[in-house]
């Protein structure tokens, strides 16, 4: 068996608390040094992500969140743990550009070991770990190892709109020991939403 090990140093990345402060409900809250770990294999080997359990000022540890560049869909398989996937599609202006603070469609999906979640074209997405153990997923997102930083911020993903809005339209939070959603006040409108049966708190 011949394996090309050239790209191995580019496979691993960790999302630190410092970097995650951009999108936290409470950017000054205390959290772990690393929120989640990524091993990028691309379409052939798939990509594995591992979340730490816990909350930061009541918000469950989550991925940064991003929108795909171009007509790209993605499928996540939940290998271990439980969580909530958030998907949102933004309103587009007359030029076809996404409007950061206006959501055309928002969806929350409660997931557990063995589930699969499909992220359609033009939907931004993130996952939060709502369990007491690691959350582990495997996805089929492409990775171009010629990118400047393929494992941490791959070229197929746009993180800037999420950063601008300090996260998605809702935060996934712990409330009285249960999972709930809390609205992000920076968003102006949400035209259509499916909250997955989760309560919304003030």
C-alpha atoms as a PDB file:
ATOM      1  CA  UNK A   1       0.000   0.000   0.000  1.00  0.00           C
ATOM      2  CA  UNK A   2       1.371   3.391  -1.018  1.00  0.00           C
ATOM      3  CA  UNK A   3       0.126   6.380   0.937  1.00  0.00           C
ATOM      4  CA  UNK A   4       1.134   9.974   0.281  1.00  0.00           C
ATOM      5  CA  UNK A   5       1.980  11.539   3.639  1.00  0.00           C
ATOM      6  CA  UNK A   6       2.750  14.974   2.190  1.00  0.00           C
ATOM      7  CA  UNK A   7      -0.330  16.678   3.607  1.00  0.00           C
ATOM      8  CA  UNK A   8      -0.355  15.034   7.042  1.00  0.00           C
ATOM      9  CA  UNK A   9       0.870  18.174   8.881  1.00  0.00           C
ATOM     10  CA  UNK A  10      -2.082  20.069   7.392  1.00  0.00           C
ATOM     11  CA  UNK A  11      -4.757  17.652   8.635  1.00  0.00           C
ATOM     12  CA  UNK A  12      -5.112  18.788  12.248  1.00  0.00           C
ATOM     13  CA  UNK A  13      -6.434  22.029  13.680  1.00  0.00           C
ATOM     14  CA  UNK A  14      -7.950  23.117  16.995  1.00  0.00           C
ATOM     15  CA  UNK A  15     -10.449  25.912  17.569  1.00  0.00           C
ATOM     16  CA  UNK A  16      -9.279  27.840  20.610  1.00  0.00           C
ATOM     17  CA  UNK A  17     -11.321  29.808  23.116  1.00  0.00           C
ATOM     18  CA  UNK A  18      -9.635  32.987  21.907  1.00  0.00           C
ATOM     19  CA  UNK A  19     -10.802  32.391  18.335  1.00  0.00           C
ATOM     20  CA  UNK A  20     -14.313  31.359  19.432  1.00  0.00           C
ATOM     21  CA  UNK A  21     -14.855  34.615  21.329  1.00  0.00           C
ATOM     22  CA  UNK A  22     -15.862  36.150  17.973  1.00  0.00           C
ATOM     23  CA  UNK A  23     -19.130  34.196  17.975  1.00  0.00           C
ATOM     24  CA  UNK A  24     -19.989  33.481  21.617  1.00  0.00           C
ATOM     25  CA  UNK A  25     -23.152  34.718  23.285  1.00  0.00           C
ATOM     26  CA  UNK A  26     -20.876  35.979  26.061  1.00  0.00           C
ATOM     27  CA  UNK A  27     -17.395  36.660  24.634  1.00  0.00           C
ATOM     28  CA  UNK A  28     -16.084  37.296  28.157  1.00  0.00           C
ATOM     29  CA  UNK A  29     -17.292  33.953  29.533  1.00  0.00           C
ATOM     30  CA  UNK A  30     -14.846  31.324  30.777  1.00  0.00           C
ATOM     31  CA  UNK A  31     -14.285  28.295  28.575  1.00  0.00           C
ATOM     32  CA  UNK A  32     -11.777  25.545  27.830  1.00  0.00           C
ATOM     33  CA  UNK A  33      -8.538  26.427  26.079  1.00  0.00           C
ATOM     34  CA  UNK A  34      -9.718  24.403  23.069  1.00  0.00           C
ATOM     35  CA  UNK A  35     -13.428  24.095  22.182  1.00  0.00           C
ATOM     36  CA  UNK A  36     -13.116  21.492  19.421  1.00  0.00           C
ATOM     37  CA  UNK A  37     -10.590  19.549  17.383  1.00  0.00           C
ATOM     38  CA  UNK A  38     -10.579  18.892  13.640  1.00  0.00           C
ATOM     39  CA  UNK A  39      -8.865  16.276  11.491  1.00  0.00           C
ATOM     40  CA  UNK A  40      -9.370  17.116   7.821  1.00  0.00           C
ATOM     41  CA  UNK A  41      -9.232  14.263   5.355  1.00  0.00           C
ATOM     42  CA  UNK A  42     -11.358  15.732   2.571  1.00  0.00           C
ATOM     43  CA  UNK A  43     -13.903  13.866   0.469  1.00  0.00           C
ATOM     44  CA  UNK A  44     -11.958  10.592   0.333  1.00  0.00           C
ATOM     45  CA  UNK A  45     -10.998  10.208   4.007  1.00  0.00           C
ATOM     46  CA  UNK A  46     -13.782  12.409   5.401  1.00  0.00           C
ATOM     47  CA  UNK A  47     -13.344  14.965   8.180  1.00  0.00           C
ATOM     48  CA  UNK A  48     -13.624  14.217  11.895  1.00  0.00           C
ATOM     49  CA  UNK A  49     -14.556  16.828  14.511  1.00  0.00           C
ATOM     50  CA  UNK A  50     -14.538  16.346  18.296  1.00  0.00           C
ATOM     51  CA  UNK A  51     -16.238  18.821  20.664  1.00  0.00           C
ATOM     52  CA  UNK A  52     -15.502  19.265  24.348  1.00  0.00           C
ATOM     53  CA  UNK A  53     -18.609  19.061  26.582  1.00  0.00           C
ATOM     54  CA  UNK A  54     -19.717  21.991  28.701  1.00  0.00           C
ATOM     55  CA  UNK A  55     -21.115  25.504  28.567  1.00  0.00           C
ATOM     56  CA  UNK A  56     -19.771  29.046  28.490  1.00  0.00           C
ATOM     57  CA  UNK A  57     -22.039  31.423  30.409  1.00  0.00           C
ATOM     58  CA  UNK A  58     -24.864  28.963  29.705  1.00  0.00           C
ATOM     59  CA  UNK A  59     -24.135  28.487  25.987  1.00  0.00           C
ATOM     60  CA  UNK A  60     -23.188  24.981  24.878  1.00  0.00           C
ATOM     61  CA  UNK A  61     -19.803  24.556  23.206  1.00  0.00           C
ATOM     62  CA  UNK A  62     -20.254  24.793  19.447  1.00  0.00           C
ATOM     63  CA  UNK A  63     -18.440  25.094  16.152  1.00  0.00           C
ATOM     64  CA  UNK A  64     -17.719  28.545  14.758  1.00  0.00           C
ATOM     65  CA  UNK A  65     -20.278  28.195  11.964  1.00  0.00           C
ATOM     66  CA  UNK A  66     -19.896  29.048   8.283  1.00  0.00           C
ATOM     67  CA  UNK A  67     -21.596  29.393   4.917  1.00  0.00           C
ATOM     68  CA  UNK A  68     -20.357  27.462   1.908  1.00  0.00           C
ATOM     69  CA  UNK A  69     -18.760  29.227  -1.026  1.00  0.00           C
ATOM     70  CA  UNK A  70     -20.480  28.094  -4.234  1.00  0.00           C
ATOM     71  CA  UNK A  71     -23.063  25.351  -4.743  1.00  0.00           C
ATOM     72  CA  UNK A  72     -21.826  22.974  -2.088  1.00  0.00           C
ATOM     73  CA  UNK A  73     -23.862  20.706   0.184  1.00  0.00           C
ATOM     74  CA  UNK A  74     -22.531  18.637   3.073  1.00  0.00           C
ATOM     75  CA  UNK A  75     -23.557  15.612   5.131  1.00  0.00           C
ATOM     76  CA  UNK A  76     -22.699  15.039   8.794  1.00  0.00           C
ATOM     77  CA  UNK A  77     -22.834  11.655  10.526  1.00  0.00           C
ATOM     78  CA  UNK A  78     -23.049  11.744  14.317  1.00  0.00           C
ATOM     79  CA  UNK A  79     -20.514   9.141  15.420  1.00  0.00           C
ATOM     80  CA  UNK A  80     -20.853   9.731  19.167  1.00  0.00           C
ATOM     81  CA  UNK A  81     -22.694  11.977  21.588  1.00  0.00           C
ATOM     82  CA  UNK A  82     -25.632  14.317  21.285  1.00  0.00           C
ATOM     83  CA  UNK A  83     -26.132  17.862  20.164  1.00  0.00           C
ATOM     84  CA  UNK A  84     -28.087  20.394  18.160  1.00  0.00           C
ATOM     85  CA  UNK A  85     -27.357  21.332  14.558  1.00  0.00           C
ATOM     86  CA  UNK A  86     -28.317  24.839  13.466  1.00  0.00           C
ATOM     87  CA  UNK A  87     -28.926  25.573   9.787  1.00  0.00           C
ATOM     88  CA  UNK A  88     -29.789  28.967   8.373  1.00  0.00           C
ATOM     89  CA  UNK A  89     -30.182  30.480   4.937  1.00  0.00           C
ATOM     90  CA  UNK A  90     -29.823  34.241   4.615  1.00  0.00           C
ATOM     91  CA  UNK A  91     -31.942  36.593   2.524  1.00  0.00           C
ATOM     92  CA  UNK A  92     -30.193  37.604  -0.704  1.00  0.00           C
ATOM     93  CA  UNK A  93     -30.282  41.111  -2.193  1.00  0.00           C
ATOM     94  CA  UNK A  94     -30.868  41.981  -5.849  1.00  0.00           C
ATOM     95  CA  UNK A  95     -27.218  41.209  -6.611  1.00  0.00           C
ATOM     96  CA  UNK A  96     -27.508  37.730  -5.125  1.00  0.00           C
ATOM     97  CA  UNK A  97     -25.400  38.684  -2.095  1.00  0.00           C
ATOM     98  CA  UNK A  98     -26.314  37.355   1.342  1.00  0.00           C
ATOM     99  CA  UNK A  99     -27.715  39.918   3.801  1.00  0.00           C
ATOM    100  CA  UNK A 100     -25.988  39.240   7.116  1.00  0.00           C
ATOM    101  CA  UNK A 101     -28.810  40.177   9.511  1.00  0.00           C
ATOM    102  CA  UNK A 102     -31.855  38.812   7.632  1.00  0.00           C
ATOM    103  CA  UNK A 103     -32.645  35.090   7.743  1.00  0.00           C
ATOM    104  CA  UNK A 104     -34.847  33.522   5.084  1.00  0.00           C
ATOM    105  CA  UNK A 105     -34.987  30.138   6.829  1.00  0.00           C
ATOM    106  CA  UNK A 106     -33.717  28.824  10.160  1.00  0.00           C
ATOM    107  CA  UNK A 107     -33.764  25.231  11.399  1.00  0.00           C
ATOM    108  CA  UNK A 108     -32.655  23.528  14.630  1.00  0.00           C
ATOM    109  CA  UNK A 109     -32.137  19.747  14.538  1.00  0.00           C
ATOM    110  CA  UNK A 110     -31.630  17.670  17.685  1.00  0.00           C
ATOM    111  CA  UNK A 111     -29.086  14.906  16.956  1.00  0.00           C
ATOM    112  CA  UNK A 112     -27.621  11.833  18.666  1.00  0.00           C
ATOM    113  CA  UNK A 113     -25.291   8.921  17.895  1.00  0.00           C
ATOM    114  CA  UNK A 114     -26.192   7.301  14.562  1.00  0.00           C
ATOM    115  CA  UNK A 115     -28.066  10.281  13.104  1.00  0.00           C
ATOM    116  CA  UNK A 116     -27.206  12.033   9.853  1.00  0.00           C
ATOM    117  CA  UNK A 117     -27.773  15.705   9.054  1.00  0.00           C
ATOM    118  CA  UNK A 118     -27.806  17.122   5.534  1.00  0.00           C
ATOM    119  CA  UNK A 119     -26.634  20.707   5.043  1.00  0.00           C
ATOM    120  CA  UNK A 120     -28.210  21.950   1.779  1.00  0.00           C
ATOM    121  CA  UNK A 121     -26.657  24.374  -0.685  1.00  0.00           C
ATOM    122  CA  UNK A 122     -26.614  27.989   0.612  1.00  0.00           C
ATOM    123  CA  UNK A 123     -27.358  26.970   4.214  1.00  0.00           C
ATOM    124  CA  UNK A 124     -24.888  28.034   6.862  1.00  0.00           C
ATOM    125  CA  UNK A 125     -24.461  25.549   9.675  1.00  0.00           C
ATOM    126  CA  UNK A 126     -22.958  24.864  13.075  1.00  0.00           C
ATOM    127  CA  UNK A 127     -23.253  22.138  15.711  1.00  0.00           C
ATOM    128  CA  UNK A 128     -23.400  22.464  19.490  1.00  0.00           C
ATOM    129  CA  UNK A 129     -22.521  19.698  21.950  1.00  0.00           C
ATOM    130  CA  UNK A 130     -25.426  19.392  24.398  1.00  0.00           C
ATOM    131  CA  UNK A 131     -24.296  16.150  26.028  1.00  0.00           C
ATOM    132  CA  UNK A 132     -22.036  15.318  28.958  1.00  0.00           C
ATOM    133  CA  UNK A 133     -19.427  13.590  26.746  1.00  0.00           C
ATOM    134  CA  UNK A 134     -17.509  14.431  23.615  1.00  0.00           C
ATOM    135  CA  UNK A 135     -19.575  15.011  20.486  1.00  0.00           C
ATOM    136  CA  UNK A 136     -17.919  13.379  17.460  1.00  0.00           C
ATOM    137  CA  UNK A 137     -18.957  13.851  13.836  1.00  0.00           C
ATOM    138  CA  UNK A 138     -17.726  12.710  10.433  1.00  0.00           C
ATOM    139  CA  UNK A 139     -18.517  14.843   7.385  1.00  0.00           C
ATOM    140  CA  UNK A 140     -17.816  14.806   3.658  1.00  0.00           C
ATOM    141  CA  UNK A 141     -16.852  18.429   3.121  1.00  0.00           C
ATOM    142  CA  UNK A 142     -14.070  18.922   0.536  1.00  0.00           C
ATOM    143  CA  UNK A 143     -10.666  20.161   1.656  1.00  0.00           C
ATOM    144  CA  UNK A 144      -8.124  21.665  -0.721  1.00  0.00           C
ATOM    145  CA  UNK A 145      -4.717  21.152   0.834  1.00  0.00           C
ATOM    146  CA  UNK A 146      -3.355  23.921  -1.371  1.00  0.00           C
ATOM    147  CA  UNK A 147      -5.345  26.407   0.728  1.00  0.00           C
ATOM    148  CA  UNK A 148      -3.300  28.630   3.014  1.00  0.00           C
ATOM    149  CA  UNK A 149      -4.995  27.130   6.084  1.00  0.00           C
ATOM    150  CA  UNK A 150      -7.127  24.169   4.924  1.00  0.00           C
ATOM    151  CA  UNK A 151      -7.682  22.455   8.252  1.00  0.00           C
ATOM    152  CA  UNK A 152      -8.685  25.464  10.329  1.00  0.00           C
ATOM    153  CA  UNK A 153     -10.345  27.784   7.791  1.00  0.00           C
ATOM    154  CA  UNK A 154     -10.786  25.891   4.496  1.00  0.00           C
ATOM    155  CA  UNK A 155     -11.330  27.870   1.318  1.00  0.00           C
ATOM    156  CA  UNK A 156     -14.800  26.447   0.615  1.00  0.00           C
ATOM    157  CA  UNK A 157     -16.219  28.109   3.748  1.00  0.00           C
ATOM    158  CA  UNK A 158     -17.104  31.745   4.521  1.00  0.00           C
ATOM    159  CA  UNK A 159     -16.824  32.611   8.228  1.00  0.00           C
ATOM    160  CA  UNK A 160     -17.053  36.398   7.988  1.00  0.00           C
ATOM    161  CA  UNK A 161     -20.850  36.729   7.969  1.00  0.00           C
ATOM    162  CA  UNK A 162     -21.070  34.592  11.114  1.00  0.00           C
ATOM    163  CA  UNK A 163     -18.363  36.662  12.779  1.00  0.00           C
ATOM    164  CA  UNK A 164     -20.143  39.897  11.864  1.00  0.00           C
ATOM    165  CA  UNK A 165     -23.348  38.704  13.549  1.00  0.00           C
ATOM    166  CA  UNK A 166     -21.581  37.103  16.549  1.00  0.00           C
ATOM    167  CA  UNK A 167     -23.066  33.716  15.714  1.00  0.00           C
ATOM    168  CA  UNK A 168     -26.308  32.415  14.242  1.00  0.00           C
ATOM    169  CA  UNK A 169     -29.854  33.681  14.750  1.00  0.00           C
ATOM    170  CA  UNK A 170     -30.201  31.593  17.931  1.00  0.00           C
ATOM    171  CA  UNK A 171     -27.751  30.410  20.570  1.00  0.00           C
ATOM    172  CA  UNK A 172     -28.062  26.869  21.968  1.00  0.00           C
ATOM    173  CA  UNK A 173     -28.198  27.249  25.755  1.00  0.00           C
ATOM    174  CA  UNK A 174     -28.772  25.304  28.946  1.00  0.00           C
ATOM    175  CA  UNK A 175     -31.892  26.399  30.838  1.00  0.00           C
ATOM    176  CA  UNK A 176     -32.984  24.693  34.055  1.00  0.00           C
ATOM    177  CA  UNK A 177     -30.931  21.646  33.110  1.00  0.00           C
ATOM    178  CA  UNK A 178     -32.436  21.314  29.620  1.00  0.00           C
ATOM    179  CA  UNK A 179     -31.542  22.411  26.100  1.00  0.00           C
ATOM    180  CA  UNK A 180     -33.142  25.621  24.858  1.00  0.00           C
ATOM    181  CA  UNK A 181     -32.613  28.384  22.317  1.00  0.00           C
ATOM    182  CA  UNK A 182     -31.948  32.066  22.936  1.00  0.00           C
ATOM    183  CA  UNK A 183     -32.367  34.626  20.178  1.00  0.00           C
ATOM    184  CA  UNK A 184     -29.384  36.585  18.915  1.00  0.00           C
ATOM    185  CA  UNK A 185     -30.554  40.231  19.066  1.00  0.00           C
ATOM    186  CA  UNK A 186     -28.290  41.333  16.187  1.00  0.00           C
ATOM    187  CA  UNK A 187     -30.571  39.685  13.610  1.00  0.00           C
ATOM    188  CA  UNK A 188     -33.389  41.873  12.268  1.00  0.00           C
ATOM    189  CA  UNK A 189     -35.716  39.291  10.741  1.00  0.00           C
ATOM    190  CA  UNK A 190     -36.320  35.538  10.495  1.00  0.00           C
ATOM    191  CA  UNK A 191     -38.864  34.769   7.779  1.00  0.00           C
ATOM    192  CA  UNK A 192     -39.309  31.048   8.435  1.00  0.00           C
ATOM    193  CA  UNK A 193     -38.166  28.902  11.341  1.00  0.00           C
ATOM    194  CA  UNK A 194     -38.328  25.335  12.603  1.00  0.00           C
ATOM    195  CA  UNK A 195     -37.020  25.195  16.184  1.00  0.00           C
ATOM    196  CA  UNK A 196     -36.985  21.403  16.386  1.00  0.00           C
ATOM    197  CA  UNK A 197     -39.283  21.376  19.423  1.00  0.00           C
ATOM    198  CA  UNK A 198     -36.814  23.343  21.524  1.00  0.00           C
ATOM    199  CA  UNK A 199     -38.117  26.113  23.802  1.00  0.00           C
ATOM    200  CA  UNK A 200     -36.986  29.719  23.389  1.00  0.00           C
ATOM    201  CA  UNK A 201     -35.970  31.666  26.474  1.00  0.00           C
ATOM    202  CA  UNK A 202     -35.480  35.398  26.976  1.00  0.00           C
END
